[in-house]
């Protein structure tokens, strides 16, 4: 079973913009960036991750996604099904536009964003399709399709080396390495079998010549 994961893009952005007709400013930014390698994930055997274009498309169209403050379900900033959260894939990545509620904590948050105290976004997801490759000797995980749960302005990005948000990636990497090792062992066994058969054929020819 896939685990829910969280990521904070290295080049994420967060800002507030005035809303037409007054009211609280809207919160805008990119929660994820396409085709950009992450920082090292993992421990003894680090790997990196990228998000492919189109990874969010299906989820944006069908899933019920919330905008939360610090991934806390007690602080809902918006929801796509209520038209208070707009999600869109751009050439850069996953663009987010939030129409926050008229509450004191939401007002405080927009002030913190305007001041630059809160400047990053994160997103919660489950991987539905992924692939692994090796580039310049480093294992790369590509997220090809994900199911979104929430997008969140965050005070601190998750510490990927220790946070439970990366557990799914670590388990996927462990499966990938085991599959790779199993395949390598199978190829080695097949090569050894063919070598043995070739040696047996050579010995038969030698005996025939004698």
C-alpha atoms as a PDB file:
ATOM      1  CA  UNK A   1       0.000   0.000   0.000  1.00  0.00           C
ATOM      2  CA  UNK A   2       1.359   3.424  -0.929  1.00  0.00           C
ATOM      3  CA  UNK A   3       2.090   5.861   1.889  1.00  0.00           C
ATOM      4  CA  UNK A   4       1.052   9.478   1.891  1.00  0.00           C
ATOM      5  CA  UNK A   5       4.060  11.688   1.280  1.00  0.00           C
ATOM      6  CA  UNK A   6       4.857  15.391   1.553  1.00  0.00           C
ATOM      7  CA  UNK A   7       7.222  17.520  -0.493  1.00  0.00           C
ATOM      8  CA  UNK A   8       8.314  21.128  -0.485  1.00  0.00           C
ATOM      9  CA  UNK A   9       9.726  22.296  -3.808  1.00  0.00           C
ATOM     10  CA  UNK A  10      13.214  23.759  -3.662  1.00  0.00           C
ATOM     11  CA  UNK A  11      12.116  26.601  -5.934  1.00  0.00           C
ATOM     12  CA  UNK A  12       8.618  27.105  -4.561  1.00  0.00           C
ATOM     13  CA  UNK A  13       7.132  30.572  -4.285  1.00  0.00           C
ATOM     14  CA  UNK A  14       4.409  32.130  -2.219  1.00  0.00           C
ATOM     15  CA  UNK A  15       2.813  35.569  -2.346  1.00  0.00           C
ATOM     16  CA  UNK A  16      -0.452  37.413  -1.732  1.00  0.00           C
ATOM     17  CA  UNK A  17      -2.309  39.400  -4.368  1.00  0.00           C
ATOM     18  CA  UNK A  18      -5.177  41.911  -3.971  1.00  0.00           C
ATOM     19  CA  UNK A  19      -8.599  40.481  -4.737  1.00  0.00           C
ATOM     20  CA  UNK A  20     -10.955  42.238  -7.114  1.00  0.00           C
ATOM     21  CA  UNK A  21     -13.891  43.704  -5.220  1.00  0.00           C
ATOM     22  CA  UNK A  22     -12.026  43.766  -1.917  1.00  0.00           C
ATOM     23  CA  UNK A  23     -11.865  41.075   0.737  1.00  0.00           C
ATOM     24  CA  UNK A  24      -8.828  39.159   1.889  1.00  0.00           C
ATOM     25  CA  UNK A  25      -5.953  38.969  -0.601  1.00  0.00           C
ATOM     26  CA  UNK A  26      -5.626  35.689  -2.487  1.00  0.00           C
ATOM     27  CA  UNK A  27      -2.631  33.436  -1.827  1.00  0.00           C
ATOM     28  CA  UNK A  28      -0.726  32.337  -4.923  1.00  0.00           C
ATOM     29  CA  UNK A  29       2.326  30.270  -5.625  1.00  0.00           C
ATOM     30  CA  UNK A  30       3.766  27.077  -7.043  1.00  0.00           C
ATOM     31  CA  UNK A  31       3.621  24.093  -4.712  1.00  0.00           C
ATOM     32  CA  UNK A  32       5.732  21.947  -7.060  1.00  0.00           C
ATOM     33  CA  UNK A  33       8.167  22.480  -9.920  1.00  0.00           C
ATOM     34  CA  UNK A  34       8.442  20.139 -12.921  1.00  0.00           C
ATOM     35  CA  UNK A  35      11.623  18.436 -14.106  1.00  0.00           C
ATOM     36  CA  UNK A  36      13.771  19.793 -11.281  1.00  0.00           C
ATOM     37  CA  UNK A  37      15.872  17.364  -9.268  1.00  0.00           C
ATOM     38  CA  UNK A  38      15.235  17.355  -5.540  1.00  0.00           C
ATOM     39  CA  UNK A  39      17.827  17.401  -2.816  1.00  0.00           C
ATOM     40  CA  UNK A  40      19.264  14.020  -1.829  1.00  0.00           C
ATOM     41  CA  UNK A  41      16.730  11.663  -0.270  1.00  0.00           C
ATOM     42  CA  UNK A  42      17.532   8.513   1.631  1.00  0.00           C
ATOM     43  CA  UNK A  43      20.293   7.737   4.087  1.00  0.00           C
ATOM     44  CA  UNK A  44      23.189   5.407   3.304  1.00  0.00           C
ATOM     45  CA  UNK A  45      22.184   5.185  -0.364  1.00  0.00           C
ATOM     46  CA  UNK A  46      20.922   8.614  -1.449  1.00  0.00           C
ATOM     47  CA  UNK A  47      18.740   9.150  -4.489  1.00  0.00           C
ATOM     48  CA  UNK A  48      16.969  12.120  -6.043  1.00  0.00           C
ATOM     49  CA  UNK A  49      13.477  12.772  -7.294  1.00  0.00           C
ATOM     50  CA  UNK A  50      11.767  14.765 -10.028  1.00  0.00           C
ATOM     51  CA  UNK A  51       8.155  15.447 -10.987  1.00  0.00           C
ATOM     52  CA  UNK A  52       7.179  15.006 -14.618  1.00  0.00           C
ATOM     53  CA  UNK A  53       4.788  17.326 -16.448  1.00  0.00           C
ATOM     54  CA  UNK A  54       1.235  16.003 -16.255  1.00  0.00           C
ATOM     55  CA  UNK A  55       1.768  14.292 -12.897  1.00  0.00           C
ATOM     56  CA  UNK A  56      -1.061  16.293 -11.282  1.00  0.00           C
ATOM     57  CA  UNK A  57      -3.442  16.541 -14.247  1.00  0.00           C
ATOM     58  CA  UNK A  58      -5.773  13.631 -13.438  1.00  0.00           C
ATOM     59  CA  UNK A  59      -5.894  14.458  -9.730  1.00  0.00           C
ATOM     60  CA  UNK A  60      -6.743  18.115 -10.387  1.00  0.00           C
ATOM     61  CA  UNK A  61      -9.682  17.026 -12.530  1.00  0.00           C
ATOM     62  CA  UNK A  62     -11.189  14.416 -10.222  1.00  0.00           C
ATOM     63  CA  UNK A  63      -9.961  14.663  -6.620  1.00  0.00           C
ATOM     64  CA  UNK A  64     -11.259  16.689  -3.672  1.00  0.00           C
ATOM     65  CA  UNK A  65      -8.190  18.715  -2.649  1.00  0.00           C
ATOM     66  CA  UNK A  66      -7.817  21.103   0.288  1.00  0.00           C
ATOM     67  CA  UNK A  67      -5.513  24.016   0.957  1.00  0.00           C
ATOM     68  CA  UNK A  68      -4.342  23.788   4.569  1.00  0.00           C
ATOM     69  CA  UNK A  69      -2.109  25.819   6.826  1.00  0.00           C
ATOM     70  CA  UNK A  70       0.964  23.725   7.706  1.00  0.00           C
ATOM     71  CA  UNK A  71      -0.873  20.556   6.558  1.00  0.00           C
ATOM     72  CA  UNK A  72      -3.189  20.936   9.572  1.00  0.00           C
ATOM     73  CA  UNK A  73      -6.794  19.862   8.751  1.00  0.00           C
ATOM     74  CA  UNK A  74      -8.026  22.152  11.521  1.00  0.00           C
ATOM     75  CA  UNK A  75      -6.994  25.168   9.417  1.00  0.00           C
ATOM     76  CA  UNK A  76      -8.655  24.916   6.002  1.00  0.00           C
ATOM     77  CA  UNK A  77      -7.750  27.758   3.663  1.00  0.00           C
ATOM     78  CA  UNK A  78      -9.670  26.540   0.638  1.00  0.00           C
ATOM     79  CA  UNK A  79     -11.068  23.586  -1.268  1.00  0.00           C
ATOM     80  CA  UNK A  80     -11.243  23.002  -5.002  1.00  0.00           C
ATOM     81  CA  UNK A  81     -14.767  21.519  -4.820  1.00  0.00           C
ATOM     82  CA  UNK A  82     -15.929  24.727  -3.110  1.00  0.00           C
ATOM     83  CA  UNK A  83     -14.217  26.929  -5.723  1.00  0.00           C
ATOM     84  CA  UNK A  84     -12.033  28.505  -3.050  1.00  0.00           C
ATOM     85  CA  UNK A  85      -8.922  26.682  -4.283  1.00  0.00           C
ATOM     86  CA  UNK A  86      -7.717  26.749  -7.875  1.00  0.00           C
ATOM     87  CA  UNK A  87      -5.135  24.203  -9.013  1.00  0.00           C
ATOM     88  CA  UNK A  88      -3.518  24.381 -12.424  1.00  0.00           C
ATOM     89  CA  UNK A  89      -0.542  22.845 -14.161  1.00  0.00           C
ATOM     90  CA  UNK A  90       1.642  25.450 -15.852  1.00  0.00           C
ATOM     91  CA  UNK A  91       4.861  24.997 -17.797  1.00  0.00           C
ATOM     92  CA  UNK A  92       6.666  25.579 -14.498  1.00  0.00           C
ATOM     93  CA  UNK A  93       4.729  23.285 -12.187  1.00  0.00           C
ATOM     94  CA  UNK A  94       1.668  23.064  -9.951  1.00  0.00           C
ATOM     95  CA  UNK A  95       0.196  26.554  -9.556  1.00  0.00           C
ATOM     96  CA  UNK A  96      -2.016  27.241  -6.553  1.00  0.00           C
ATOM     97  CA  UNK A  97      -4.485  30.099  -5.989  1.00  0.00           C
ATOM     98  CA  UNK A  98      -6.293  30.198  -2.642  1.00  0.00           C
ATOM     99  CA  UNK A  99      -9.227  32.397  -1.611  1.00  0.00           C
ATOM    100  CA  UNK A 100      -8.833  32.239   2.190  1.00  0.00           C
ATOM    101  CA  UNK A 101     -11.700  32.534   4.686  1.00  0.00           C
ATOM    102  CA  UNK A 102     -12.449  35.733   6.557  1.00  0.00           C
ATOM    103  CA  UNK A 103     -11.049  34.505   9.868  1.00  0.00           C
ATOM    104  CA  UNK A 104      -8.441  35.994  12.162  1.00  0.00           C
ATOM    105  CA  UNK A 105      -5.927  33.186  11.726  1.00  0.00           C
ATOM    106  CA  UNK A 106      -6.222  33.449   7.904  1.00  0.00           C
ATOM    107  CA  UNK A 107      -5.683  37.210   8.117  1.00  0.00           C
ATOM    108  CA  UNK A 108      -2.634  36.606  10.294  1.00  0.00           C
ATOM    109  CA  UNK A 109      -1.297  34.138   7.735  1.00  0.00           C
ATOM    110  CA  UNK A 110      -1.676  36.538   4.806  1.00  0.00           C
ATOM    111  CA  UNK A 111       0.174  39.163   6.848  1.00  0.00           C
ATOM    112  CA  UNK A 112       2.968  36.679   7.533  1.00  0.00           C
ATOM    113  CA  UNK A 113       3.223  35.898   3.812  1.00  0.00           C
ATOM    114  CA  UNK A 114       3.285  39.591   2.903  1.00  0.00           C
ATOM    115  CA  UNK A 115       6.085  40.157   5.426  1.00  0.00           C
ATOM    116  CA  UNK A 116       8.067  37.219   4.044  1.00  0.00           C
ATOM    117  CA  UNK A 117       7.874  35.243   7.292  1.00  0.00           C
ATOM    118  CA  UNK A 118       6.116  32.404   5.451  1.00  0.00           C
ATOM    119  CA  UNK A 119       7.485  31.915   1.951  1.00  0.00           C
ATOM    120  CA  UNK A 120       7.171  28.277   0.897  1.00  0.00           C
ATOM    121  CA  UNK A 121       4.497  25.764  -0.084  1.00  0.00           C
ATOM    122  CA  UNK A 122       4.270  22.016   0.279  1.00  0.00           C
ATOM    123  CA  UNK A 123       1.899  19.353  -1.005  1.00  0.00           C
ATOM    124  CA  UNK A 124       0.609  16.030   0.320  1.00  0.00           C
ATOM    125  CA  UNK A 125       0.146  13.125  -2.085  1.00  0.00           C
ATOM    126  CA  UNK A 126       0.190   9.423  -2.852  1.00  0.00           C
ATOM    127  CA  UNK A 127       2.180   8.103  -5.806  1.00  0.00           C
ATOM    128  CA  UNK A 128       0.086   6.272  -8.394  1.00  0.00           C
ATOM    129  CA  UNK A 129       2.753   5.861 -11.071  1.00  0.00           C
ATOM    130  CA  UNK A 130       6.520   6.212 -10.882  1.00  0.00           C
ATOM    131  CA  UNK A 131       9.687   5.113 -12.648  1.00  0.00           C
ATOM    132  CA  UNK A 132      13.321   4.672 -11.679  1.00  0.00           C
ATOM    133  CA  UNK A 133      16.398   5.421 -13.776  1.00  0.00           C
ATOM    134  CA  UNK A 134      20.123   5.820 -13.232  1.00  0.00           C
ATOM    135  CA  UNK A 135      21.689   9.118 -14.320  1.00  0.00           C
ATOM    136  CA  UNK A 136      25.415   9.759 -13.910  1.00  0.00           C
ATOM    137  CA  UNK A 137      25.573   6.968 -11.360  1.00  0.00           C
ATOM    138  CA  UNK A 138      22.704   8.315  -9.253  1.00  0.00           C
ATOM    139  CA  UNK A 139      19.300   6.669  -8.844  1.00  0.00           C
ATOM    140  CA  UNK A 140      16.467   8.982  -9.912  1.00  0.00           C
ATOM    141  CA  UNK A 141      12.810   8.538  -8.988  1.00  0.00           C
ATOM    142  CA  UNK A 142      10.344  10.215 -11.365  1.00  0.00           C
ATOM    143  CA  UNK A 143       6.805  10.890 -10.152  1.00  0.00           C
ATOM    144  CA  UNK A 144       4.638  10.373 -13.239  1.00  0.00           C
ATOM    145  CA  UNK A 145       1.154  10.447 -11.689  1.00  0.00           C
ATOM    146  CA  UNK A 146       0.134  11.377  -8.145  1.00  0.00           C
ATOM    147  CA  UNK A 147      -3.075  11.723  -6.148  1.00  0.00           C
ATOM    148  CA  UNK A 148      -3.169  15.101  -4.399  1.00  0.00           C
ATOM    149  CA  UNK A 149      -4.589  15.489  -0.894  1.00  0.00           C
ATOM    150  CA  UNK A 150      -3.594  19.003   0.048  1.00  0.00           C
ATOM    151  CA  UNK A 151      -1.410  21.995  -0.727  1.00  0.00           C
ATOM    152  CA  UNK A 152      -0.131  24.039   2.183  1.00  0.00           C
ATOM    153  CA  UNK A 153       1.777  27.183   2.958  1.00  0.00           C
ATOM    154  CA  UNK A 154       4.364  25.994   5.491  1.00  0.00           C
ATOM    155  CA  UNK A 155       6.511  27.607   8.159  1.00  0.00           C
ATOM    156  CA  UNK A 156       9.235  24.980   7.766  1.00  0.00           C
ATOM    157  CA  UNK A 157       9.689  22.549   4.870  1.00  0.00           C
ATOM    158  CA  UNK A 158       9.663  18.923   5.977  1.00  0.00           C
ATOM    159  CA  UNK A 159      13.101  17.615   6.897  1.00  0.00           C
ATOM    160  CA  UNK A 160      13.278  14.948   4.224  1.00  0.00           C
ATOM    161  CA  UNK A 161      16.050  12.961   5.929  1.00  0.00           C
ATOM    162  CA  UNK A 162      13.861  12.174   8.948  1.00  0.00           C
ATOM    163  CA  UNK A 163      10.248  13.159   8.256  1.00  0.00           C
ATOM    164  CA  UNK A 164       7.559  10.509   7.823  1.00  0.00           C
ATOM    165  CA  UNK A 165       6.581  12.384   4.658  1.00  0.00           C
ATOM    166  CA  UNK A 166       9.411  10.691   2.756  1.00  0.00           C
ATOM    167  CA  UNK A 167       8.738   7.173   4.047  1.00  0.00           C
ATOM    168  CA  UNK A 168       6.872   6.204   0.881  1.00  0.00           C
ATOM    169  CA  UNK A 169       9.845   7.240  -1.241  1.00  0.00           C
ATOM    170  CA  UNK A 170      12.220   5.205   0.919  1.00  0.00           C
ATOM    171  CA  UNK A 171      10.011   2.120   0.658  1.00  0.00           C
ATOM    172  CA  UNK A 172       9.735   2.570  -3.112  1.00  0.00           C
ATOM    173  CA  UNK A 173      13.517   2.891  -3.349  1.00  0.00           C
ATOM    174  CA  UNK A 174      13.983  -0.259  -1.290  1.00  0.00           C
ATOM    175  CA  UNK A 175      11.639  -2.173  -3.646  1.00  0.00           C
ATOM    176  CA  UNK A 176      13.455  -0.775  -6.691  1.00  0.00           C
ATOM    177  CA  UNK A 177      16.883  -1.821  -5.363  1.00  0.00           C
ATOM    178  CA  UNK A 178      15.654  -5.310  -4.495  1.00  0.00           C
ATOM    179  CA  UNK A 179      14.114  -5.716  -7.954  1.00  0.00           C
ATOM    180  CA  UNK A 180      17.323  -4.466  -9.544  1.00  0.00           C
ATOM    181  CA  UNK A 181      19.428  -6.872  -7.491  1.00  0.00           C
ATOM    182  CA  UNK A 182      17.079  -9.757  -8.296  1.00  0.00           C
ATOM    183  CA  UNK A 183      17.248  -8.972 -12.015  1.00  0.00           C
ATOM    184  CA  UNK A 184      21.042  -8.692 -11.890  1.00  0.00           C
ATOM    185  CA  UNK A 185      21.276 -12.025 -10.084  1.00  0.00           C
ATOM    186  CA  UNK A 186      18.970 -13.653 -12.655  1.00  0.00           C
ATOM    187  CA  UNK A 187      21.074 -12.292 -15.535  1.00  0.00           C
ATOM    188  CA  UNK A 188      24.259 -13.514 -13.876  1.00  0.00           C
ATOM    189  CA  UNK A 189      22.733 -16.956 -13.352  1.00  0.00           C
ATOM    190  CA  UNK A 190      21.609 -17.085 -16.997  1.00  0.00           C
ATOM    191  CA  UNK A 191      25.065 -16.038 -18.193  1.00  0.00           C
ATOM    192  CA  UNK A 192      26.638 -18.739 -16.031  1.00  0.00           C
ATOM    193  CA  UNK A 193      24.207 -21.347 -17.380  1.00  0.00           C
ATOM    194  CA  UNK A 194      25.014 -20.448 -20.975  1.00  0.00           C
ATOM    195  CA  UNK A 195      28.723 -20.493 -20.242  1.00  0.00           C
ATOM    196  CA  UNK A 196      28.377 -23.959 -18.745  1.00  0.00           C
ATOM    197  CA  UNK A 197      26.410 -25.201 -21.762  1.00  0.00           C
ATOM    198  CA  UNK A 198      29.033 -23.786 -24.130  1.00  0.00           C
ATOM    199  CA  UNK A 199      31.822 -25.499 -22.203  1.00  0.00           C
ATOM    200  CA  UNK A 200      29.934 -28.798 -22.350  1.00  0.00           C
ATOM    201  CA  UNK A 201      29.519 -28.447 -26.122  1.00  0.00           C
ATOM    202  CA  UNK A 202      33.213 -27.708 -26.510  1.00  0.00           C
ATOM    203  CA  UNK A 203      34.105 -30.797 -24.488  1.00  0.00           C
ATOM    204  CA  UNK A 204      31.811 -32.946 -26.680  1.00  0.00           C
ATOM    205  CA  UNK A 205      33.492 -31.677 -29.852  1.00  0.00           C
ATOM    206  CA  UNK A 206      36.922 -32.337 -28.380  1.00  0.00           C
ATOM    207  CA  UNK A 207      35.923 -35.933 -27.535  1.00  0.00           C
ATOM    208  CA  UNK A 208      34.529 -36.423 -31.053  1.00  0.00           C
ATOM    209  CA  UNK A 209      37.772 -35.208 -32.603  1.00  0.00           C
ATOM    210  CA  UNK A 210      39.728 -37.606 -30.418  1.00  0.00           C
END
